[in-house]
């Protein structure tokens, strides 16, 4: 019953207005008023439901809407991978280097080369280094020579 009232009162549908606690309280008060007016078994006795039962009803009313909203926001399978597939992290680029040296050594070497501007396709985002896949790998295959 609360689910129907919440939908009717707030116009909740996928992408509808946000349900607030004030909306929930208003809906509960309306439900109680309807019970009193209709003379239901709870009328005159006071509402015997416990607050946790009301919270469970609210959760049941919100779950379908949350599912719809999360499904609308979730990227399609593989979509998130495609958006960053052309960028490599520092660790991924280090993984493309020979195992002859420790990863820490390769990282220091790459940091030094990026400071000098020698690594093509180097992008700094939020303080982190990323590398455009093709230019960086081509640079490594060419022997990692300076690009200046």
C-alpha atoms as a PDB file:
ATOM      1  CA  UNK A   1       0.000   0.000   0.000  1.00  0.00           C
ATOM      2  CA  UNK A   2       2.802   2.427   0.836  1.00  0.00           C
ATOM      3  CA  UNK A   3       4.464   1.628  -2.480  1.00  0.00           C
ATOM      4  CA  UNK A   4       1.327   2.718  -4.373  1.00  0.00           C
ATOM      5  CA  UNK A   5       0.956   5.837  -2.253  1.00  0.00           C
ATOM      6  CA  UNK A   6       4.592   6.777  -2.742  1.00  0.00           C
ATOM      7  CA  UNK A   7       4.252   6.386  -6.500  1.00  0.00           C
ATOM      8  CA  UNK A   8       0.968   8.288  -6.601  1.00  0.00           C
ATOM      9  CA  UNK A   9       2.037  11.059  -4.217  1.00  0.00           C
ATOM     10  CA  UNK A  10       5.506  11.697  -5.580  1.00  0.00           C
ATOM     11  CA  UNK A  11       5.011  10.744  -9.203  1.00  0.00           C
ATOM     12  CA  UNK A  12       7.930   8.375  -8.904  1.00  0.00           C
ATOM     13  CA  UNK A  13       8.927   6.697 -12.108  1.00  0.00           C
ATOM     14  CA  UNK A  14      12.311   6.075 -13.605  1.00  0.00           C
ATOM     15  CA  UNK A  15      13.930   9.483 -13.894  1.00  0.00           C
ATOM     16  CA  UNK A  16      11.157  11.139 -11.840  1.00  0.00           C
ATOM     17  CA  UNK A  17      11.593  13.584  -8.987  1.00  0.00           C
ATOM     18  CA  UNK A  18      13.697  12.594  -6.036  1.00  0.00           C
ATOM     19  CA  UNK A  19      11.840  11.170  -3.046  1.00  0.00           C
ATOM     20  CA  UNK A  20      12.792  12.970   0.145  1.00  0.00           C
ATOM     21  CA  UNK A  21      12.238  12.008   3.758  1.00  0.00           C
ATOM     22  CA  UNK A  22       9.604  14.759   3.907  1.00  0.00           C
ATOM     23  CA  UNK A  23       7.763  13.046   1.030  1.00  0.00           C
ATOM     24  CA  UNK A  24       7.932   9.750   2.890  1.00  0.00           C
ATOM     25  CA  UNK A  25       6.634  11.306   6.098  1.00  0.00           C
ATOM     26  CA  UNK A  26       3.834  13.030   4.215  1.00  0.00           C
ATOM     27  CA  UNK A  27       2.905   9.757   2.510  1.00  0.00           C
ATOM     28  CA  UNK A  28       2.862   7.890   5.823  1.00  0.00           C
ATOM     29  CA  UNK A  29       0.635  10.576   7.337  1.00  0.00           C
ATOM     30  CA  UNK A  30      -1.717  10.336   4.346  1.00  0.00           C
ATOM     31  CA  UNK A  31      -1.805   6.563   4.682  1.00  0.00           C
ATOM     32  CA  UNK A  32      -2.662   6.831   8.377  1.00  0.00           C
ATOM     33  CA  UNK A  33      -5.348   9.414   7.601  1.00  0.00           C
ATOM     34  CA  UNK A  34      -6.863   7.094   4.986  1.00  0.00           C
ATOM     35  CA  UNK A  35      -6.879   4.256   7.519  1.00  0.00           C
ATOM     36  CA  UNK A  36      -8.648   6.450  10.064  1.00  0.00           C
ATOM     37  CA  UNK A  37     -11.194   7.672   7.503  1.00  0.00           C
ATOM     38  CA  UNK A  38     -11.877   4.190   6.162  1.00  0.00           C
ATOM     39  CA  UNK A  39     -12.293   2.752   9.650  1.00  0.00           C
ATOM     40  CA  UNK A  40      -9.688   0.051   9.142  1.00  0.00           C
ATOM     41  CA  UNK A  41      -8.790  -2.295  11.964  1.00  0.00           C
ATOM     42  CA  UNK A  42      -5.939  -0.022  13.042  1.00  0.00           C
ATOM     43  CA  UNK A  43      -8.209   3.026  13.364  1.00  0.00           C
ATOM     44  CA  UNK A  44      -8.918   3.857  16.957  1.00  0.00           C
ATOM     45  CA  UNK A  45      -6.124   1.596  18.155  1.00  0.00           C
ATOM     46  CA  UNK A  46      -3.337   3.800  16.875  1.00  0.00           C
ATOM     47  CA  UNK A  47      -0.843   2.509  14.363  1.00  0.00           C
ATOM     48  CA  UNK A  48       0.646  -0.690  15.757  1.00  0.00           C
ATOM     49  CA  UNK A  49       3.345  -0.925  13.093  1.00  0.00           C
ATOM     50  CA  UNK A  50       6.849  -0.441  14.293  1.00  0.00           C
ATOM     51  CA  UNK A  51       9.184   2.083  12.647  1.00  0.00           C
ATOM     52  CA  UNK A  52      11.328  -0.709  11.191  1.00  0.00           C
ATOM     53  CA  UNK A  53       8.304  -2.070   9.336  1.00  0.00           C
ATOM     54  CA  UNK A  54       7.727   1.396   7.861  1.00  0.00           C
ATOM     55  CA  UNK A  55      11.363   1.597   6.794  1.00  0.00           C
ATOM     56  CA  UNK A  56      11.038  -1.827   5.152  1.00  0.00           C
ATOM     57  CA  UNK A  57       7.975  -0.586   3.265  1.00  0.00           C
ATOM     58  CA  UNK A  58       9.900   2.485   2.150  1.00  0.00           C
ATOM     59  CA  UNK A  59      12.788   0.336   0.961  1.00  0.00           C
ATOM     60  CA  UNK A  60      10.383  -1.879  -0.991  1.00  0.00           C
ATOM     61  CA  UNK A  61       8.898   1.220  -2.607  1.00  0.00           C
ATOM     62  CA  UNK A  62      12.308   2.645  -3.541  1.00  0.00           C
ATOM     63  CA  UNK A  63      14.036  -0.487  -4.820  1.00  0.00           C
ATOM     64  CA  UNK A  64      12.409  -0.549  -8.288  1.00  0.00           C
ATOM     65  CA  UNK A  65      13.238   3.115  -8.834  1.00  0.00           C
ATOM     66  CA  UNK A  66      16.834   2.678  -7.695  1.00  0.00           C
ATOM     67  CA  UNK A  67      17.263  -0.327  -9.968  1.00  0.00           C
ATOM     68  CA  UNK A  68      15.983   1.681 -12.947  1.00  0.00           C
ATOM     69  CA  UNK A  69      18.242   4.640 -12.179  1.00  0.00           C
ATOM     70  CA  UNK A  70      21.354   2.508 -11.659  1.00  0.00           C
ATOM     71  CA  UNK A  71      20.668   0.558 -14.842  1.00  0.00           C
ATOM     72  CA  UNK A  72      20.364   3.818 -16.774  1.00  0.00           C
ATOM     73  CA  UNK A  73      23.725   5.046 -15.415  1.00  0.00           C
ATOM     74  CA  UNK A  74      25.674   1.813 -15.818  1.00  0.00           C
ATOM     75  CA  UNK A  75      27.854   1.651 -18.915  1.00  0.00           C
ATOM     76  CA  UNK A  76      27.176  -1.108 -21.399  1.00  0.00           C
ATOM     77  CA  UNK A  77      29.451  -4.153 -21.001  1.00  0.00           C
ATOM     78  CA  UNK A  78      32.868  -3.246 -22.328  1.00  0.00           C
ATOM     79  CA  UNK A  79      31.953   0.446 -22.752  1.00  0.00           C
ATOM     80  CA  UNK A  80      34.043   1.610 -19.784  1.00  0.00           C
ATOM     81  CA  UNK A  81      36.990  -0.351 -21.134  1.00  0.00           C
ATOM     82  CA  UNK A  82      36.657   1.284 -24.549  1.00  0.00           C
ATOM     83  CA  UNK A  83      36.750   4.815 -23.156  1.00  0.00           C
ATOM     84  CA  UNK A  84      40.197   4.350 -21.592  1.00  0.00           C
ATOM     85  CA  UNK A  85      41.548   1.537 -23.775  1.00  0.00           C
ATOM     86  CA  UNK A  86      43.824   3.928 -25.650  1.00  0.00           C
ATOM     87  CA  UNK A  87      45.537   5.040 -22.404  1.00  0.00           C
ATOM     88  CA  UNK A  88      48.035   2.981 -20.449  1.00  0.00           C
ATOM     89  CA  UNK A  89      48.862   3.469 -16.793  1.00  0.00           C
ATOM     90  CA  UNK A  90      52.475   3.689 -15.696  1.00  0.00           C
ATOM     91  CA  UNK A  91      52.300   0.099 -14.415  1.00  0.00           C
ATOM     92  CA  UNK A  92      50.888  -1.138 -17.740  1.00  0.00           C
ATOM     93  CA  UNK A  93      53.676   0.575 -19.647  1.00  0.00           C
ATOM     94  CA  UNK A  94      56.261  -0.878 -17.254  1.00  0.00           C
ATOM     95  CA  UNK A  95      54.689  -4.293 -17.931  1.00  0.00           C
ATOM     96  CA  UNK A  96      55.491  -3.848 -21.624  1.00  0.00           C
ATOM     97  CA  UNK A  97      59.202  -3.416 -20.813  1.00  0.00           C
ATOM     98  CA  UNK A  98      61.626  -6.357 -20.544  1.00  0.00           C
ATOM     99  CA  UNK A  99      61.917  -8.180 -17.235  1.00  0.00           C
ATOM    100  CA  UNK A 100      65.666  -7.559 -17.185  1.00  0.00           C
ATOM    101  CA  UNK A 101      65.170  -4.804 -14.605  1.00  0.00           C
ATOM    102  CA  UNK A 102      62.903  -4.477 -11.599  1.00  0.00           C
ATOM    103  CA  UNK A 103      59.605  -2.613 -12.139  1.00  0.00           C
ATOM    104  CA  UNK A 104      60.746   0.081  -9.678  1.00  0.00           C
ATOM    105  CA  UNK A 105      63.831   0.710 -11.815  1.00  0.00           C
ATOM    106  CA  UNK A 106      61.722   0.989 -14.962  1.00  0.00           C
ATOM    107  CA  UNK A 107      59.344   3.394 -13.194  1.00  0.00           C
ATOM    108  CA  UNK A 108      62.208   5.684 -12.184  1.00  0.00           C
ATOM    109  CA  UNK A 109      63.533   5.510 -15.740  1.00  0.00           C
ATOM    110  CA  UNK A 110      60.106   6.403 -17.178  1.00  0.00           C
ATOM    111  CA  UNK A 111      59.563   9.232 -14.672  1.00  0.00           C
ATOM    112  CA  UNK A 112      62.902  10.740 -15.686  1.00  0.00           C
ATOM    113  CA  UNK A 113      62.040  10.456 -19.386  1.00  0.00           C
ATOM    114  CA  UNK A 114      58.610  12.078 -18.854  1.00  0.00           C
ATOM    115  CA  UNK A 115      60.208  14.980 -16.950  1.00  0.00           C
ATOM    116  CA  UNK A 116      62.473  15.554 -19.929  1.00  0.00           C
ATOM    117  CA  UNK A 117      59.497  15.330 -22.305  1.00  0.00           C
ATOM    118  CA  UNK A 118      60.965  12.343 -24.127  1.00  0.00           C
ATOM    119  CA  UNK A 119      57.961   9.999 -23.876  1.00  0.00           C
ATOM    120  CA  UNK A 120      55.456  10.643 -26.675  1.00  0.00           C
ATOM    121  CA  UNK A 121      51.797  10.486 -25.751  1.00  0.00           C
ATOM    122  CA  UNK A 122      52.407  11.153 -22.040  1.00  0.00           C
ATOM    123  CA  UNK A 123      49.335  12.655 -20.361  1.00  0.00           C
ATOM    124  CA  UNK A 124      49.139  13.815 -16.767  1.00  0.00           C
ATOM    125  CA  UNK A 125      45.618  13.509 -15.303  1.00  0.00           C
ATOM    126  CA  UNK A 126      44.944  14.303 -11.670  1.00  0.00           C
ATOM    127  CA  UNK A 127      48.612  13.980 -10.789  1.00  0.00           C
ATOM    128  CA  UNK A 128      48.875  10.541 -12.397  1.00  0.00           C
ATOM    129  CA  UNK A 129      50.756   9.669 -15.557  1.00  0.00           C
ATOM    130  CA  UNK A 130      48.978   7.987 -18.440  1.00  0.00           C
ATOM    131  CA  UNK A 131      50.361   7.131 -21.840  1.00  0.00           C
ATOM    132  CA  UNK A 132      48.636   6.992 -25.201  1.00  0.00           C
ATOM    133  CA  UNK A 133      48.976   3.358 -26.150  1.00  0.00           C
ATOM    134  CA  UNK A 134      50.255   3.511 -29.733  1.00  0.00           C
ATOM    135  CA  UNK A 135      52.747   6.409 -29.488  1.00  0.00           C
ATOM    136  CA  UNK A 136      54.250   5.123 -26.228  1.00  0.00           C
ATOM    137  CA  UNK A 137      54.571   1.524 -27.423  1.00  0.00           C
ATOM    138  CA  UNK A 138      55.998   2.659 -30.775  1.00  0.00           C
ATOM    139  CA  UNK A 139      58.553   4.748 -28.850  1.00  0.00           C
ATOM    140  CA  UNK A 140      59.542   1.693 -26.801  1.00  0.00           C
ATOM    141  CA  UNK A 141      59.799  -0.517 -29.921  1.00  0.00           C
ATOM    142  CA  UNK A 142      62.000   2.118 -31.573  1.00  0.00           C
ATOM    143  CA  UNK A 143      64.456   1.838 -28.708  1.00  0.00           C
ATOM    144  CA  UNK A 144      63.055   4.611 -26.489  1.00  0.00           C
ATOM    145  CA  UNK A 145      65.070   7.346 -28.100  1.00  0.00           C
ATOM    146  CA  UNK A 146      64.522  11.013 -27.359  1.00  0.00           C
ATOM    147  CA  UNK A 147      61.797  12.609 -29.477  1.00  0.00           C
ATOM    148  CA  UNK A 148      63.307  16.131 -29.474  1.00  0.00           C
END
